[in-house]
Amino acid sequence: MSERLVLVLGGTRSGKSTFALQRVRELSADRPIAYLATAEPGDPELDDRINRHRAARPADWPTIDVGTDLPAAVKRAGADHTLLLDGLTLWLSSIAPAPVGQIDALLAGPVARAMLALSAHPAPVVVVSDEIGLGMVPMDEGARAFRDLQGIVHQQLAALADEVLLTVAGLPLTLKTS
């Protein structure tokens, strides 16, 4: 069981990553911290975001590229490392580019394995994810399916988490603490 599992939700530019950096430092004590990266470079705007995130964290934190296998990335980080996963949304999009009709299989397969890996990690884990379900209903069936998948995954992770926070305008709102 993870020493402390924290879920930080928020919209774009809500301050979730900044808050997560602060929280992971608080939880790490004397442990090393590993950054689990889910963004893949490829366009100028995303490359800029990746560079800003790198600049915001210490250079001595190892960065582990998650790809599609989140449990393997957790294992590569090592049991002694506090983990910062930023972010869950991009990982979900990497395993479910078009989840129409696939939600149950994704939840039972890669999502279930990821939840187990995160919750079983012996050191603290902070997970950052975009809250995309607060806006309008997308017209595209695939976008609706992805929004639904992410909402279900957030519910599952929140049930496992010791802390759940929602960031709005740079302010963390505590939804759950234990």
Protein backbone atom coordinates (compact mmCIF):
# COMPACT_ATOMS: atom_id res chain seq x y z
CA MET A 1 0.00 0.00 0.00
CA SER A 2 1.33 3.42 -0.93
CA GLU A 3 2.50 5.44 2.04
CA ARG A 4 0.39 8.33 0.74
CA LEU A 5 -1.55 8.57 -2.51
CA VAL A 6 -2.53 12.08 -3.59
CA LEU A 7 -4.70 12.99 -6.59
CA VAL A 8 -4.48 16.58 -7.84
CA LEU A 9 -7.17 17.54 -10.34
CA GLY A 10 -7.72 20.79 -12.19
CA GLY A 11 -8.33 22.45 -15.49
CA THR A 12 -5.77 23.84 -17.90
CA ARG A 13 -3.47 26.37 -16.20
CA SER A 14 -5.27 25.89 -12.89
CA GLY A 15 -2.04 25.50 -10.91
CA LYS A 16 -2.27 21.73 -10.45
CA SER A 17 1.33 20.97 -11.47
CA THR A 18 2.73 23.77 -9.31
CA PHE A 19 0.75 22.51 -6.33
CA ALA A 20 1.81 18.92 -7.03
CA LEU A 21 5.50 19.93 -7.04
CA GLN A 22 5.04 21.51 -3.63
CA ARG A 23 3.10 18.53 -2.26
CA VAL A 24 5.56 15.92 -3.52
CA ARG A 25 8.41 17.81 -1.85
CA GLU A 26 6.47 17.85 1.43
CA LEU A 27 5.81 14.12 1.22
CA SER A 28 9.28 13.01 0.13
CA ALA A 29 11.03 13.67 3.45
CA ASP A 30 14.55 12.41 2.74
CA ARG A 31 13.53 10.16 -0.15
CA PRO A 32 14.53 10.85 -3.72
CA ILE A 33 11.77 11.96 -6.10
CA ALA A 34 11.14 10.54 -9.56
CA TYR A 35 9.09 12.37 -12.20
CA LEU A 36 6.90 10.14 -14.35
CA ALA A 37 6.41 12.04 -17.60
CA THR A 38 3.54 11.31 -19.95
CA ALA A 39 3.88 14.13 -22.50
CA GLU A 40 5.55 13.20 -25.77
CA PRO A 41 7.30 15.98 -27.68
CA GLY A 42 6.09 16.66 -31.17
CA ASP A 43 4.61 20.09 -31.62
CA PRO A 44 5.96 23.51 -30.61
CA GLU A 45 3.26 24.27 -28.03
CA LEU A 46 3.62 20.92 -26.24
CA ASP A 47 7.42 21.12 -26.46
CA ASP A 48 7.21 24.52 -24.72
CA ARG A 49 5.04 23.03 -21.95
CA ILE A 50 7.48 20.15 -21.48
CA ASN A 51 10.39 22.60 -21.21
CA ARG A 52 8.54 24.74 -18.64
CA HIS A 53 7.76 21.67 -16.55
CA ARG A 54 11.42 20.57 -16.70
CA ALA A 55 12.58 24.03 -15.63
CA ALA A 56 10.19 24.01 -12.65
CA ARG A 57 11.64 20.87 -11.08
CA PRO A 58 15.15 20.11 -9.82
CA ALA A 59 17.55 18.67 -12.39
CA ASP A 60 18.49 15.82 -10.04
CA TRP A 61 15.00 14.29 -10.17
CA PRO A 62 15.14 11.42 -12.62
CA THR A 63 12.57 11.69 -15.41
CA ILE A 64 10.98 8.44 -16.50
CA ASP A 65 9.05 8.47 -19.75
CA VAL A 66 5.89 6.47 -19.12
CA GLY A 67 4.79 5.65 -22.66
CA THR A 68 1.84 3.26 -22.54
CA ASP A 69 3.12 1.07 -19.68
CA LEU A 70 2.55 3.00 -16.45
CA PRO A 71 3.16 0.00 -14.14
CA ALA A 72 6.58 -0.57 -15.74
CA ALA A 73 7.45 3.12 -15.25
CA VAL A 74 6.50 2.90 -11.56
CA LYS A 75 8.73 -0.16 -11.22
CA ARG A 76 11.64 1.56 -13.04
CA ALA A 77 11.45 4.45 -10.57
CA GLY A 78 12.30 2.16 -7.70
CA ALA A 79 10.49 1.50 -4.44
CA ASP A 80 12.51 4.11 -2.54
CA HIS A 81 11.41 7.04 -4.76
CA THR A 82 8.48 9.33 -4.07
CA LEU A 83 6.64 9.60 -7.40
CA LEU A 84 5.13 12.53 -9.25
CA LEU A 85 3.00 11.41 -12.19
CA ASP A 86 2.22 14.38 -14.42
CA GLY A 87 -0.18 13.65 -15.89
CA LEU A 88 -2.74 10.95 -15.99
CA THR A 89 -4.73 12.51 -18.86
CA LEU A 90 -1.94 12.15 -21.41
CA TRP A 91 -1.26 8.58 -20.28
CA LEU A 92 -4.94 7.72 -20.74
CA SER A 93 -4.90 9.27 -24.21
CA SER A 94 -1.86 7.15 -25.09
CA ILE A 95 -3.67 3.91 -24.25
CA ALA A 96 -7.08 4.99 -25.53
CA PRO A 97 -6.78 7.18 -28.62
CA ALA A 98 -10.40 6.27 -29.52
CA PRO A 99 -12.04 4.50 -26.55
CA VAL A 100 -15.50 4.22 -28.12
CA GLY A 101 -16.71 0.76 -27.08
CA GLN A 102 -13.42 0.02 -25.30
CA ILE A 103 -14.01 1.57 -21.88
CA ASP A 104 -14.71 -1.70 -20.04
CA ALA A 105 -11.66 -3.41 -21.58
CA LEU A 106 -9.42 -0.44 -20.73
CA LEU A 107 -10.72 -0.30 -17.15
CA ALA A 108 -10.22 -4.04 -16.64
CA GLY A 109 -6.81 -4.11 -18.34
CA PRO A 110 -4.26 -1.27 -18.41
CA VAL A 111 -6.17 1.03 -16.05
CA ALA A 112 -6.59 -1.67 -13.39
CA ARG A 113 -2.89 -2.56 -13.64
CA ALA A 114 -1.93 1.13 -13.33
CA MET A 115 -4.18 1.64 -10.28
CA LEU A 116 -2.59 -1.37 -8.61
CA ALA A 117 0.94 -0.16 -9.36
CA LEU A 118 0.24 3.35 -8.03
CA SER A 119 -1.56 2.20 -4.89
CA ALA A 120 0.99 -0.54 -4.12
CA HIS A 121 4.06 1.70 -4.50
CA PRO A 122 5.61 1.79 -1.00
CA ALA A 123 6.62 5.48 -1.10
CA PRO A 124 4.29 8.47 -1.55
CA VAL A 125 2.70 9.05 -4.96
CA VAL A 126 1.25 12.30 -6.31
CA VAL A 127 -0.86 12.05 -9.47
CA VAL A 128 -1.81 15.10 -11.56
CA SER A 129 -4.78 14.90 -13.91
CA ASP A 130 -6.95 17.24 -15.95
CA GLU A 131 -10.55 17.60 -14.87
CA ILE A 132 -12.24 17.65 -18.27
CA GLY A 133 -15.77 16.74 -17.24
CA LEU A 134 -16.84 20.19 -16.08
CA GLY A 135 -17.33 21.70 -19.53
CA MET A 136 -19.77 21.23 -22.32
CA VAL A 137 -20.67 17.84 -23.74
CA PRO A 138 -18.52 17.21 -26.83
CA MET A 139 -20.31 16.59 -30.11
CA ASP A 140 -17.75 13.94 -31.14
CA GLU A 141 -18.49 10.40 -29.94
CA GLY A 142 -14.80 9.64 -29.34
CA ALA A 143 -14.33 12.79 -27.26
CA ARG A 144 -17.39 11.90 -25.16
CA ALA A 145 -16.07 8.37 -24.64
CA PHE A 146 -12.67 9.69 -23.54
CA ARG A 147 -14.29 12.18 -21.16
CA ASP A 148 -16.35 9.33 -19.68
CA LEU A 149 -13.29 7.09 -19.36
CA GLN A 150 -11.36 9.79 -17.57
CA GLY A 151 -14.26 10.52 -15.23
CA ILE A 152 -14.51 6.86 -14.25
CA VAL A 153 -10.73 6.61 -13.74
CA HIS A 154 -10.81 9.74 -11.56
CA GLN A 155 -13.54 8.17 -9.42
CA GLN A 156 -11.55 4.95 -9.04
CA LEU A 157 -8.32 6.76 -8.19
CA ALA A 158 -10.10 9.12 -5.78
CA ALA A 159 -11.53 6.11 -3.94
CA LEU A 160 -7.98 4.75 -3.46
CA ALA A 161 -6.37 8.11 -2.65
CA ASP A 162 -5.61 9.45 0.80
CA GLU A 163 -5.96 13.02 -0.49
CA VAL A 164 -7.88 14.48 -3.42
CA LEU A 165 -7.55 18.14 -4.34
CA LEU A 166 -9.05 20.31 -7.04
CA THR A 167 -7.05 23.34 -8.12
CA VAL A 168 -8.86 26.42 -9.35
CA ALA A 169 -7.09 29.72 -10.12
CA GLY A 170 -3.96 28.44 -8.38
CA LEU A 171 -5.83 27.54 -5.21
CA PRO A 172 -6.05 23.94 -3.99
CA LEU A 173 -9.46 22.92 -2.71
CA THR A 174 -9.41 19.81 -0.53
CA LEU A 175 -12.03 17.28 -1.59
CA LYS A 176 -10.79 14.37 0.49
CA THR A 177 -8.24 13.82 3.23
CA SER A 178 -7.60 10.90 5.52
